[in-house]
Each structure stands twice: as structure tokens, then as C-alpha cells.
Amino acid sequence: MGGVVEALPFDLEASDKPNYNGSVPMFEQEGCKKVSRLGKNIQWM
């Protein structure tokens, strides 16, 4: 099992809004790496 996984977490600083698709640090803890920034607040991992 295993394979490629794509994640698009928001990269917001100190936001009070819920982050339903995860955070950049959460994905980094699981071994994902940043690929590219997509717009102002979205990180492709």
C-alpha cells in the first residue's frame, strides 16, 4: 500500500476561521513536502 498523495492546505497566519482541509505543519509532520504555492493562501503539498 501507499503511493502519492496530494494535499492543498490553506496557509493562513493566526486565523480564527476553521481550517477544514488541514494545516501545512500537520501535513509536514506526516512526511509531506511543499511543492508550490497556489495563490496567496494555498500550499500544494
PDB file of N, CA and C in Angstrom:
ATOM      1  N   MET A   1       0.843  -1.183   0.000  1.00  0.00           N
ATOM      2  CA  MET A   1       0.000   0.000   0.000  1.00  0.00           C
ATOM      3  C   MET A   1       0.880   1.235   0.000  1.00  0.00           C
ATOM      4  N   GLY A   2       0.263   2.346  -0.226  1.00  0.00           N
ATOM      5  CA  GLY A   2       0.987   3.611  -0.249  1.00  0.00           C
ATOM      6  C   GLY A   2       0.908   4.223  -1.624  1.00  0.00           C
ATOM      7  N   GLY A   3       1.585   5.306  -1.794  1.00  0.00           N
ATOM      8  CA  GLY A   3       1.589   5.972  -3.085  1.00  0.00           C
ATOM      9  C   GLY A   3       1.611   7.467  -2.913  1.00  0.00           C
ATOM     10  N   VAL A   4       1.342   8.144  -3.983  1.00  0.00           N
ATOM     11  CA  VAL A   4       1.375   9.599  -3.999  1.00  0.00           C
ATOM     12  C   VAL A   4       0.067  10.150  -3.438  1.00  0.00           C
ATOM     13  N   VAL A   5       0.194  11.157  -2.601  1.00  0.00           N
ATOM     14  CA  VAL A   5      -0.963  11.840  -2.020  1.00  0.00           C
ATOM     15  C   VAL A   5      -0.809  13.321  -2.293  1.00  0.00           C
ATOM     16  N   GLU A   6      -1.886  13.979  -2.643  1.00  0.00           N
ATOM     17  CA  GLU A   6      -1.872  15.411  -2.903  1.00  0.00           C
ATOM     18  C   GLU A   6      -2.692  16.109  -1.835  1.00  0.00           C
ATOM     19  N   ALA A   7      -2.158  17.200  -1.292  1.00  0.00           N
ATOM     20  CA  ALA A   7      -2.877  17.971  -0.277  1.00  0.00           C
ATOM     21  C   ALA A   7      -2.816  19.443  -0.648  1.00  0.00           C
ATOM     22  N   LEU A   8      -3.885  20.189  -0.338  1.00  0.00           N
ATOM     23  CA  LEU A   8      -3.954  21.612  -0.636  1.00  0.00           C
ATOM     24  C   LEU A   8      -4.386  22.387   0.615  1.00  0.00           C
ATOM     25  N   PRO A   9      -3.568  22.374   1.674  1.00  0.00           N
ATOM     26  CA  PRO A   9      -3.971  23.091   2.884  1.00  0.00           C
ATOM     27  C   PRO A   9      -3.850  24.600   2.715  1.00  0.00           C
ATOM     28  N   PHE A  10      -4.693  25.327   3.437  1.00  0.00           N
ATOM     29  CA  PHE A  10      -4.570  26.778   3.490  1.00  0.00           C
ATOM     30  C   PHE A  10      -3.386  27.122   4.367  1.00  0.00           C
ATOM     31  N   ASP A  11      -2.679  28.170   4.021  1.00  0.00           N
ATOM     32  CA  ASP A  11      -1.525  28.638   4.790  1.00  0.00           C
ATOM     33  C   ASP A  11      -1.865  30.016   5.331  1.00  0.00           C
ATOM     34  N   LEU A  12      -2.691  30.046   6.382  1.00  0.00           N
ATOM     35  CA  LEU A  12      -3.164  31.302   6.964  1.00  0.00           C
ATOM     36  C   LEU A  12      -2.494  31.541   8.308  1.00  0.00           C
ATOM     37  N   GLU A  13      -2.074  32.765   8.533  1.00  0.00           N
ATOM     38  CA  GLU A  13      -1.450  33.102   9.809  1.00  0.00           C
ATOM     39  C   GLU A  13      -2.515  33.541  10.807  1.00  0.00           C
ATOM     40  N   ALA A  14      -2.547  32.889  11.952  1.00  0.00           N
ATOM     41  CA  ALA A  14      -3.404  33.277  13.085  1.00  0.00           C
ATOM     42  C   ALA A  14      -4.836  33.585  12.666  1.00  0.00           C
ATOM     43  N   SER A  15      -5.471  32.659  12.006  1.00  0.00           N
ATOM     44  CA  SER A  15      -6.855  32.847  11.580  1.00  0.00           C
ATOM     45  C   SER A  15      -7.803  32.228  12.603  1.00  0.00           C
ATOM     46  N   ASP A  16      -8.906  32.905  12.874  1.00  0.00           N
ATOM     47  CA  ASP A  16      -9.928  32.378  13.783  1.00  0.00           C
ATOM     48  C   ASP A  16     -10.880  31.430  13.049  1.00  0.00           C
ATOM     49  N   LYS A  17     -10.823  31.416  11.726  1.00  0.00           N
ATOM     50  CA  LYS A  17     -11.706  30.564  10.936  1.00  0.00           C
ATOM     51  C   LYS A  17     -11.209  29.119  10.985  1.00  0.00           C
ATOM     52  N   PRO A  18     -12.128  28.149  10.996  1.00  0.00           N
ATOM     53  CA  PRO A  18     -11.713  26.746  10.997  1.00  0.00           C
ATOM     54  C   PRO A  18     -10.985  26.378   9.708  1.00  0.00           C
ATOM     55  N   ASN A  19     -10.004  25.512   9.833  1.00  0.00           N
ATOM     56  CA  ASN A  19      -9.215  25.075   8.691  1.00  0.00           C
ATOM     57  C   ASN A  19      -9.572  23.618   8.425  1.00  0.00           C
ATOM     58  N   TYR A  20     -10.626  23.381   7.647  1.00  0.00           N
ATOM     59  CA  TYR A  20     -11.180  22.037   7.451  1.00  0.00           C
ATOM     60  C   TYR A  20     -10.291  21.113   6.628  1.00  0.00           C
ATOM     61  N   ASN A  21      -9.377  21.669   5.835  1.00  0.00           N
ATOM     62  CA  ASN A  21      -8.547  20.808   4.996  1.00  0.00           C
ATOM     63  C   ASN A  21      -7.144  20.622   5.554  1.00  0.00           C
ATOM     64  N   GLY A  22      -6.947  20.880   6.832  1.00  0.00           N
ATOM     65  CA  GLY A  22      -5.652  20.667   7.471  1.00  0.00           C
ATOM     66  C   GLY A  22      -4.754  21.879   7.370  1.00  0.00           C
ATOM     67  N   SER A  23      -3.610  21.790   8.019  1.00  0.00           N
ATOM     68  CA  SER A  23      -2.648  22.884   8.016  1.00  0.00           C
ATOM     69  C   SER A  23      -1.329  22.385   7.433  1.00  0.00           C
ATOM     70  N   VAL A  24      -0.498  23.315   7.015  1.00  0.00           N
ATOM     71  CA  VAL A  24       0.809  22.961   6.464  1.00  0.00           C
ATOM     72  C   VAL A  24       1.626  22.179   7.488  1.00  0.00           C
ATOM     73  N   PRO A  25       1.741  22.646   8.758  1.00  0.00           N
ATOM     74  CA  PRO A  25       2.517  21.871   9.738  1.00  0.00           C
ATOM     75  C   PRO A  25       1.979  20.453   9.964  1.00  0.00           C
ATOM     76  N   MET A  26       0.651  20.283   9.928  1.00  0.00           N
ATOM     77  CA  MET A  26       0.074  18.952  10.112  1.00  0.00           C
ATOM     78  C   MET A  26       0.549  17.998   9.013  1.00  0.00           C
ATOM     79  N   PHE A  27       0.530  18.457   7.755  1.00  0.00           N
ATOM     80  CA  PHE A  27       0.975  17.610   6.651  1.00  0.00           C
ATOM     81  C   PHE A  27       2.483  17.382   6.700  1.00  0.00           C
ATOM     82  N   GLU A  28       3.260  18.392   7.123  1.00  0.00           N
ATOM     83  CA  GLU A  28       4.710  18.222   7.244  1.00  0.00           C
ATOM     84  C   GLU A  28       5.057  17.178   8.306  1.00  0.00           C
ATOM     85  N   GLN A  29       4.308  17.148   9.394  1.00  0.00           N
ATOM     86  CA  GLN A  29       4.535  16.137  10.435  1.00  0.00           C
ATOM     87  C   GLN A  29       4.325  14.729   9.899  1.00  0.00           C
ATOM     88  N   GLU A  30       3.456  14.591   8.910  1.00  0.00           N
ATOM     89  CA  GLU A  30       3.166  13.275   8.332  1.00  0.00           C
ATOM     90  C   GLU A  30       4.101  12.931   7.167  1.00  0.00           C
ATOM     91  N   GLY A  31       5.081  13.784   6.910  1.00  0.00           N
ATOM     92  CA  GLY A  31       6.085  13.478   5.899  1.00  0.00           C
ATOM     93  C   GLY A  31       5.866  14.117   4.541  1.00  0.00           C
ATOM     94  N   CYS A  32       4.826  14.935   4.405  1.00  0.00           N
ATOM     95  CA  CYS A  32       4.591  15.614   3.122  1.00  0.00           C
ATOM     96  C   CYS A  32       5.565  16.772   2.966  1.00  0.00           C
ATOM     97  N   LYS A  33       5.865  17.100   1.726  1.00  0.00           N
ATOM     98  CA  LYS A  33       6.769  18.210   1.428  1.00  0.00           C
ATOM     99  C   LYS A  33       6.039  19.245   0.585  1.00  0.00           C
ATOM    100  N   LYS A  34       6.424  20.519   0.758  1.00  0.00           N
ATOM    101  CA  LYS A  34       5.834  21.593  -0.041  1.00  0.00           C
ATOM    102  C   LYS A  34       6.305  21.455  -1.484  1.00  0.00           C
ATOM    103  N   VAL A  35       5.365  21.624  -2.423  1.00  0.00           N
ATOM    104  CA  VAL A  35       5.691  21.556  -3.839  1.00  0.00           C
ATOM    105  C   VAL A  35       5.686  22.956  -4.438  1.00  0.00           C
ATOM    106  N   SER A  36       4.591  23.689  -4.230  1.00  0.00           N
ATOM    107  CA  SER A  36       4.450  25.010  -4.824  1.00  0.00           C
ATOM    108  C   SER A  36       3.337  25.766  -4.117  1.00  0.00           C
ATOM    109  N   ARG A  37       3.385  27.061  -4.182  1.00  0.00           N
ATOM    110  CA  ARG A  37       2.303  27.892  -3.656  1.00  0.00           C
ATOM    111  C   ARG A  37       1.301  28.118  -4.774  1.00  0.00           C
ATOM    112  N   LEU A  38       0.024  27.948  -4.462  1.00  0.00           N
ATOM    113  CA  LEU A  38      -1.052  28.175  -5.423  1.00  0.00           C
ATOM    114  C   LEU A  38      -1.860  29.370  -4.947  1.00  0.00           C
ATOM    115  N   GLY A  39      -1.552  30.518  -5.435  1.00  0.00           N
ATOM    116  CA  GLY A  39      -2.230  31.716  -4.993  1.00  0.00           C
ATOM    117  C   GLY A  39      -1.654  32.244  -3.697  1.00  0.00           C
ATOM    118  N   LYS A  40      -2.413  33.099  -3.026  1.00  0.00           N
ATOM    119  CA  LYS A  40      -1.928  33.766  -1.812  1.00  0.00           C
ATOM    120  C   LYS A  40      -1.906  32.842  -0.595  1.00  0.00           C
ATOM    121  N   ASN A  41      -2.927  32.008  -0.418  1.00  0.00           N
ATOM    122  CA  ASN A  41      -3.070  31.271   0.834  1.00  0.00           C
ATOM    123  C   ASN A  41      -3.100  29.745   0.706  1.00  0.00           C
ATOM    124  N   ILE A  42      -2.840  29.200  -0.457  1.00  0.00           N
ATOM    125  CA  ILE A  42      -2.927  27.748  -0.629  1.00  0.00           C
ATOM    126  C   ILE A  42      -1.548  27.183  -0.955  1.00  0.00           C
ATOM    127  N   GLN A  43      -1.168  26.153  -0.246  1.00  0.00           N
ATOM    128  CA  GLN A  43       0.122  25.485  -0.435  1.00  0.00           C
ATOM    129  C   GLN A  43      -0.121  24.116  -1.038  1.00  0.00           C
ATOM    130  N   TRP A  44       0.506  23.807  -2.151  1.00  0.00           N
ATOM    131  CA  TRP A  44       0.410  22.474  -2.770  1.00  0.00           C
ATOM    132  C   TRP A  44       1.474  21.612  -2.157  1.00  0.00           C
ATOM    133  N   MET A  45       1.050  20.460  -1.614  1.00  0.00           N
ATOM    134  CA  MET A  45       1.984  19.567  -0.931  1.00  0.00           C
ATOM    135  C   MET A  45       1.866  18.184  -1.507  1.00  0.00           C
TER     136      MET A  45
END
